[in-house]
Amino acid sequence: MTSTLKVDKAIPSVRTGKPLTAETVDRAIARGRRERDRDNLGGHLRTPSNVTKRSKGGKANVTARTP
């Protein structure tokens, strides 16, 4: 199957004839939000691997790991 890049209202798109999965859409939205947050903070946003998740007690248990 071959697809061509088309521009509709200044938005490039490729039509494949198949719908995107919910997982693909969720990942794209999350990536866009991470990029926006990083840009808004001037690149000072820590990556998820540097921050621990909440403890079982519900309180934030944030520790930054230094290399």
PDB file of N, CA and C in Angstrom:
ATOM      1  N   MET A   1       0.845  -1.167   0.000  1.00  0.00           N
ATOM      2  CA  MET A   1       0.000   0.000   0.000  1.00  0.00           C
ATOM      3  C   MET A   1       0.895   1.236   0.000  1.00  0.00           C
ATOM      4  N   THR A   2       0.607   2.169  -0.836  1.00  0.00           N
ATOM      5  CA  THR A   2       1.349   3.415  -0.856  1.00  0.00           C
ATOM      6  C   THR A   2       0.424   4.545  -0.453  1.00  0.00           C
ATOM      7  N   SER A   3       0.989   5.472   0.305  1.00  0.00           N
ATOM      8  CA  SER A   3       0.237   6.639   0.741  1.00  0.00           C
ATOM      9  C   SER A   3       1.024   7.878   0.383  1.00  0.00           C
ATOM     10  N   THR A   4       0.323   8.942   0.153  1.00  0.00           N
ATOM     11  CA  THR A   4       0.988  10.199  -0.136  1.00  0.00           C
ATOM     12  C   THR A   4       0.679  11.199   0.964  1.00  0.00           C
ATOM     13  N   LEU A   5       1.618  12.086   1.188  1.00  0.00           N
ATOM     14  CA  LEU A   5       1.441  13.136   2.178  1.00  0.00           C
ATOM     15  C   LEU A   5       0.546  14.202   1.584  1.00  0.00           C
ATOM     16  N   LYS A   6      -0.514  14.535   2.289  1.00  0.00           N
ATOM     17  CA  LYS A   6      -1.429  15.580   1.848  1.00  0.00           C
ATOM     18  C   LYS A   6      -1.496  16.652   2.918  1.00  0.00           C
ATOM     19  N   VAL A   7      -1.732  17.874   2.511  1.00  0.00           N
ATOM     20  CA  VAL A   7      -1.838  18.982   3.451  1.00  0.00           C
ATOM     21  C   VAL A   7      -3.262  19.502   3.388  1.00  0.00           C
ATOM     22  N   ASP A   8      -3.943  19.465   4.532  1.00  0.00           N
ATOM     23  CA  ASP A   8      -5.314  19.934   4.627  1.00  0.00           C
ATOM     24  C   ASP A   8      -5.383  20.971   5.735  1.00  0.00           C
ATOM     25  N   LYS A   9      -5.699  22.196   5.396  1.00  0.00           N
ATOM     26  CA  LYS A   9      -5.753  23.306   6.355  1.00  0.00           C
ATOM     27  C   LYS A   9      -4.431  23.445   7.102  1.00  0.00           C
ATOM     28  N   ALA A  10      -3.330  23.359   6.380  1.00  0.00           N
ATOM     29  CA  ALA A  10      -1.967  23.523   6.898  1.00  0.00           C
ATOM     30  C   ALA A  10      -1.536  22.400   7.840  1.00  0.00           C
ATOM     31  N   ILE A  11      -2.239  21.279   7.826  1.00  0.00           N
ATOM     32  CA  ILE A  11      -1.870  20.136   8.668  1.00  0.00           C
ATOM     33  C   ILE A  11      -1.501  18.972   7.753  1.00  0.00           C
ATOM     34  N   PRO A  12      -0.220  18.561   7.796  1.00  0.00           N
ATOM     35  CA  PRO A  12       0.176  17.418   6.969  1.00  0.00           C
ATOM     36  C   PRO A  12      -0.443  16.126   7.490  1.00  0.00           C
ATOM     37  N   SER A  13      -0.888  15.289   6.585  1.00  0.00           N
ATOM     38  CA  SER A  13      -1.487  14.020   7.010  1.00  0.00           C
ATOM     39  C   SER A  13      -1.236  12.942   5.961  1.00  0.00           C
ATOM     40  N   VAL A  14      -1.236  11.713   6.441  1.00  0.00           N
ATOM     41  CA  VAL A  14      -1.096  10.556   5.568  1.00  0.00           C
ATOM     42  C   VAL A  14      -2.335   9.698   5.770  1.00  0.00           C
ATOM     43  N   ARG A  15      -3.000   9.393   4.713  1.00  0.00           N
ATOM     44  CA  ARG A  15      -4.212   8.569   4.796  1.00  0.00           C
ATOM     45  C   ARG A  15      -3.857   7.131   4.467  1.00  0.00           C
ATOM     46  N   THR A  16      -4.161   6.226   5.422  1.00  0.00           N
ATOM     47  CA  THR A  16      -3.861   4.811   5.211  1.00  0.00           C
ATOM     48  C   THR A  16      -5.127   3.990   5.031  1.00  0.00           C
ATOM     49  N   GLY A  17      -6.264   4.548   5.401  1.00  0.00           N
ATOM     50  CA  GLY A  17      -7.509   3.813   5.301  1.00  0.00           C
ATOM     51  C   GLY A  17      -7.807   2.969   6.526  1.00  0.00           C
ATOM     52  N   LYS A  18      -6.901   2.996   7.528  1.00  0.00           N
ATOM     53  CA  LYS A  18      -7.092   2.228   8.762  1.00  0.00           C
ATOM     54  C   LYS A  18      -7.132   3.187   9.942  1.00  0.00           C
ATOM     55  N   PRO A  19      -7.989   2.921  10.922  1.00  0.00           N
ATOM     56  CA  PRO A  19      -8.053   3.805  12.095  1.00  0.00           C
ATOM     57  C   PRO A  19      -6.840   3.591  13.007  1.00  0.00           C
ATOM     58  N   LEU A  20      -6.490   4.631  13.754  1.00  0.00           N
ATOM     59  CA  LEU A  20      -5.424   4.521  14.739  1.00  0.00           C
ATOM     60  C   LEU A  20      -5.968   3.818  15.973  1.00  0.00           C
ATOM     61  N   THR A  21      -5.108   3.096  16.679  1.00  0.00           N
ATOM     62  CA  THR A  21      -5.537   2.456  17.926  1.00  0.00           C
ATOM     63  C   THR A  21      -5.597   3.512  19.028  1.00  0.00           C
ATOM     64  N   ALA A  22      -6.356   3.238  20.067  1.00  0.00           N
ATOM     65  CA  ALA A  22      -6.453   4.155  21.203  1.00  0.00           C
ATOM     66  C   ALA A  22      -5.086   4.327  21.857  1.00  0.00           C
ATOM     67  N   GLU A  23      -4.310   3.260  21.908  1.00  0.00           N
ATOM     68  CA  GLU A  23      -2.972   3.327  22.512  1.00  0.00           C
ATOM     69  C   GLU A  23      -2.071   4.285  21.730  1.00  0.00           C
ATOM     70  N   THR A  24      -2.133   4.245  20.417  1.00  0.00           N
ATOM     71  CA  THR A  24      -1.326   5.134  19.581  1.00  0.00           C
ATOM     72  C   THR A  24      -1.710   6.591  19.812  1.00  0.00           C
ATOM     73  N   VAL A  25      -2.995   6.850  19.887  1.00  0.00           N
ATOM     74  CA  VAL A  25      -3.478   8.212  20.118  1.00  0.00           C
ATOM     75  C   VAL A  25      -3.059   8.692  21.503  1.00  0.00           C
ATOM     76  N   ASP A  26      -3.212   7.845  22.528  1.00  0.00           N
ATOM     77  CA  ASP A  26      -2.823   8.213  23.889  1.00  0.00           C
ATOM     78  C   ASP A  26      -1.333   8.529  23.980  1.00  0.00           C
ATOM     79  N   ARG A  27      -0.507   7.708  23.311  1.00  0.00           N
ATOM     80  CA  ARG A  27       0.939   7.962  23.339  1.00  0.00           C
ATOM     81  C   ARG A  27       1.283   9.274  22.652  1.00  0.00           C
ATOM     82  N   ALA A  28       0.621   9.569  21.548  1.00  0.00           N
ATOM     83  CA  ALA A  28       0.888  10.815  20.828  1.00  0.00           C
ATOM     84  C   ALA A  28       0.488  12.030  21.664  1.00  0.00           C
ATOM     85  N   ILE A  29      -0.642  11.947  22.337  1.00  0.00           N
ATOM     86  CA  ILE A  29      -1.089  13.046  23.194  1.00  0.00           C
ATOM     87  C   ILE A  29      -0.122  13.240  24.354  1.00  0.00           C
ATOM     88  N   ALA A  30       0.285  12.139  24.998  1.00  0.00           N
ATOM     89  CA  ALA A  30       1.216  12.227  26.130  1.00  0.00           C
ATOM     90  C   ALA A  30       2.551  12.821  25.685  1.00  0.00           C
ATOM     91  N   ARG A  31       3.038  12.405  24.528  1.00  0.00           N
ATOM     92  CA  ARG A  31       4.313  12.927  24.027  1.00  0.00           C
ATOM     93  C   ARG A  31       4.207  14.426  23.766  1.00  0.00           C
ATOM     94  N   GLY A  32       3.115  14.851  23.147  1.00  0.00           N
ATOM     95  CA  GLY A  32       2.918  16.271  22.882  1.00  0.00           C
ATOM     96  C   GLY A  32       2.861  17.088  24.160  1.00  0.00           C
ATOM     97  N   ARG A  33       2.207  16.550  25.186  1.00  0.00           N
ATOM     98  CA  ARG A  33       2.125  17.253  26.470  1.00  0.00           C
ATOM     99  C   ARG A  33       3.491  17.340  27.139  1.00  0.00           C
ATOM    100  N   ARG A  34       4.280  16.241  27.076  1.00  0.00           N
ATOM    101  CA  ARG A  34       5.629  16.262  27.651  1.00  0.00           C
ATOM    102  C   ARG A  34       6.495  17.305  26.949  1.00  0.00           C
ATOM    103  N   GLU A  35       6.419  17.341  25.627  1.00  0.00           N
ATOM    104  CA  GLU A  35       7.210  18.309  24.869  1.00  0.00           C
ATOM    105  C   GLU A  35       6.786  19.738  25.198  1.00  0.00           C
ATOM    106  N   ARG A  36       5.493  19.968  25.308  1.00  0.00           N
ATOM    107  CA  ARG A  36       4.995  21.304  25.644  1.00  0.00           C
ATOM    108  C   ARG A  36       5.469  21.712  27.034  1.00  0.00           C
ATOM    109  N   ASP A  37       5.354  20.795  28.001  1.00  0.00           N
ATOM    110  CA  ASP A  37       5.799  21.096  29.363  1.00  0.00           C
ATOM    111  C   ASP A  37       7.296  21.372  29.407  1.00  0.00           C
ATOM    112  N   ARG A  38       8.072  20.572  28.683  1.00  0.00           N
ATOM    113  CA  ARG A  38       9.519  20.778  28.641  1.00  0.00           C
ATOM    114  C   ARG A  38       9.841  22.147  28.059  1.00  0.00           C
ATOM    115  N   ASP A  39       9.180  22.511  26.985  1.00  0.00           N
ATOM    116  CA  ASP A  39       9.419  23.808  26.360  1.00  0.00           C
ATOM    117  C   ASP A  39       8.997  24.954  27.274  1.00  0.00           C
ATOM    118  N   ASN A  40       7.873  24.796  27.963  1.00  0.00           N
ATOM    119  CA  ASN A  40       7.403  25.844  28.876  1.00  0.00           C
ATOM    120  C   ASN A  40       8.343  26.038  30.056  1.00  0.00           C
ATOM    121  N   LEU A  41       9.006  24.969  30.485  1.00  0.00           N
ATOM    122  CA  LEU A  41       9.927  25.058  31.614  1.00  0.00           C
ATOM    123  C   LEU A  41      11.360  25.304  31.168  1.00  0.00           C
ATOM    124  N   GLY A  42      11.572  25.544  29.909  1.00  0.00           N
ATOM    125  CA  GLY A  42      12.902  25.838  29.415  1.00  0.00           C
ATOM    126  C   GLY A  42      13.834  24.642  29.455  1.00  0.00           C
ATOM    127  N   GLY A  43      13.307  23.452  29.327  1.00  0.00           N
ATOM    128  CA  GLY A  43      14.148  22.260  29.313  1.00  0.00           C
ATOM    129  C   GLY A  43      14.539  21.775  30.688  1.00  0.00           C
ATOM    130  N   HIS A  44      13.927  22.310  31.749  1.00  0.00           N
ATOM    131  CA  HIS A  44      14.296  21.936  33.114  1.00  0.00           C
ATOM    132  C   HIS A  44      13.409  20.850  33.713  1.00  0.00           C
ATOM    133  N   LEU A  45      12.599  20.230  32.910  1.00  0.00           N
ATOM    134  CA  LEU A  45      11.711  19.182  33.401  1.00  0.00           C
ATOM    135  C   LEU A  45      12.477  17.873  33.503  1.00  0.00           C
ATOM    136  N   ARG A  46      12.427  17.245  34.657  1.00  0.00           N
ATOM    137  CA  ARG A  46      13.114  15.976  34.847  1.00  0.00           C
ATOM    138  C   ARG A  46      12.387  14.883  34.076  1.00  0.00           C
ATOM    139  N   THR A  47      13.140  13.916  33.598  1.00  0.00           N
ATOM    140  CA  THR A  47      12.532  12.802  32.895  1.00  0.00           C
ATOM    141  C   THR A  47      11.893  11.864  33.903  1.00  0.00           C
ATOM    142  N   PRO A  48      10.888  11.100  33.511  1.00  0.00           N
ATOM    143  CA  PRO A  48      10.220  10.196  34.446  1.00  0.00           C
ATOM    144  C   PRO A  48      11.157   9.204  35.117  1.00  0.00           C
ATOM    145  N   SER A  49      12.262   8.834  34.492  1.00  0.00           N
ATOM    146  CA  SER A  49      13.174   7.871  35.105  1.00  0.00           C
ATOM    147  C   SER A  49      13.938   8.477  36.276  1.00  0.00           C
ATOM    148  N   ASN A  50      13.940   9.805  36.407  1.00  0.00           N
ATOM    149  CA  ASN A  50      14.647  10.454  37.503  1.00  0.00           C
ATOM    150  C   ASN A  50      13.770  10.711  38.715  1.00  0.00           C
ATOM    151  N   VAL A  51      12.487  10.405  38.615  1.00  0.00           N
ATOM    152  CA  VAL A  51      11.561  10.705  39.698  1.00  0.00           C
ATOM    153  C   VAL A  51      10.829   9.435  40.088  1.00  0.00           C
ATOM    154  N   THR A  52      10.742   9.180  41.402  1.00  0.00           N
ATOM    155  CA  THR A  52      10.025   7.996  41.854  1.00  0.00           C
ATOM    156  C   THR A  52       8.537   8.293  41.932  1.00  0.00           C
ATOM    157  N   LYS A  53       7.724   7.264  41.913  1.00  0.00           N
ATOM    158  CA  LYS A  53       6.275   7.433  41.967  1.00  0.00           C
ATOM    159  C   LYS A  53       5.829   7.599  43.411  1.00  0.00           C
ATOM    160  N   ARG A  54       4.545   7.846  43.587  1.00  0.00           N
ATOM    161  CA  ARG A  54       3.992   8.033  44.931  1.00  0.00           C
ATOM    162  C   ARG A  54       4.137   6.763  45.763  1.00  0.00           C
ATOM    163  N   SER A  55       4.302   6.983  47.055  1.00  0.00           N
ATOM    164  CA  SER A  55       4.392   5.849  47.965  1.00  0.00           C
ATOM    165  C   SER A  55       2.997   5.285  48.192  1.00  0.00           C
ATOM    166  N   LYS A  56       2.905   4.145  48.852  1.00  0.00           N
ATOM    167  CA  LYS A  56       1.609   3.516  49.086  1.00  0.00           C
ATOM    168  C   LYS A  56       0.719   4.353  49.985  1.00  0.00           C
ATOM    169  N   GLY A  57       1.311   5.193  50.833  1.00  0.00           N
ATOM    170  CA  GLY A  57       0.536   6.037  51.733  1.00  0.00           C
ATOM    171  C   GLY A  57      -0.133   7.208  51.041  1.00  0.00           C
ATOM    172  N   GLY A  58       0.174   7.428  49.776  1.00  0.00           N
ATOM    173  CA  GLY A  58      -0.466   8.487  49.021  1.00  0.00           C
ATOM    174  C   GLY A  58       0.305   9.794  49.025  1.00  0.00           C
ATOM    175  N   LYS A  59       1.344   9.904  49.851  1.00  0.00           N
ATOM    176  CA  LYS A  59       2.131  11.128  49.869  1.00  0.00           C
ATOM    177  C   LYS A  59       3.198  11.055  48.790  1.00  0.00           C
ATOM    178  N   ALA A  60       3.524  12.207  48.277  1.00  0.00           N
ATOM    179  CA  ALA A  60       4.551  12.244  47.240  1.00  0.00           C
ATOM    180  C   ALA A  60       5.886  11.872  47.835  1.00  0.00           C
ATOM    181  N   ASN A  61       6.584  10.995  47.174  1.00  0.00           N
ATOM    182  CA  ASN A  61       7.904  10.572  47.603  1.00  0.00           C
ATOM    183  C   ASN A  61       8.843  10.820  46.440  1.00  0.00           C
ATOM    184  N   VAL A  62       9.185  12.092  46.233  1.00  0.00           N
ATOM    185  CA  VAL A  62       9.955  12.484  45.064  1.00  0.00           C
ATOM    186  C   VAL A  62      11.424  12.600  45.450  1.00  0.00           C
ATOM    187  N   THR A  63      12.245  11.844  44.766  1.00  0.00           N
ATOM    188  CA  THR A  63      13.688  11.944  44.973  1.00  0.00           C
ATOM    189  C   THR A  63      14.344  11.977  43.615  1.00  0.00           C
ATOM    190  N   ALA A  64      15.247  12.903  43.451  1.00  0.00           N
ATOM    191  CA  ALA A  64      15.976  12.985  42.182  1.00  0.00           C
ATOM    192  C   ALA A  64      17.250  12.179  42.318  1.00  0.00           C
ATOM    193  N   ARG A  65      17.510  11.352  41.338  1.00  0.00           N
ATOM    194  CA  ARG A  65      18.720  10.555  41.331  1.00  0.00           C
ATOM    195  C   ARG A  65      19.778  11.279  40.515  1.00  0.00           C
ATOM    196  N   THR A  66      20.946  11.407  41.076  1.00  0.00           N
ATOM    197  CA  THR A  66      22.029  12.050  40.340  1.00  0.00           C
ATOM    198  C   THR A  66      22.892  10.982  39.691  1.00  0.00           C
ATOM    199  N   PRO A  67      23.379  11.246  38.515  1.00  0.00           N
ATOM    200  CA  PRO A  67      24.176  10.235  37.803  1.00  0.00           C
ATOM    201  C   PRO A  67      25.504   9.963  38.471  1.00  0.00           C
TER     202      PRO A  67
END
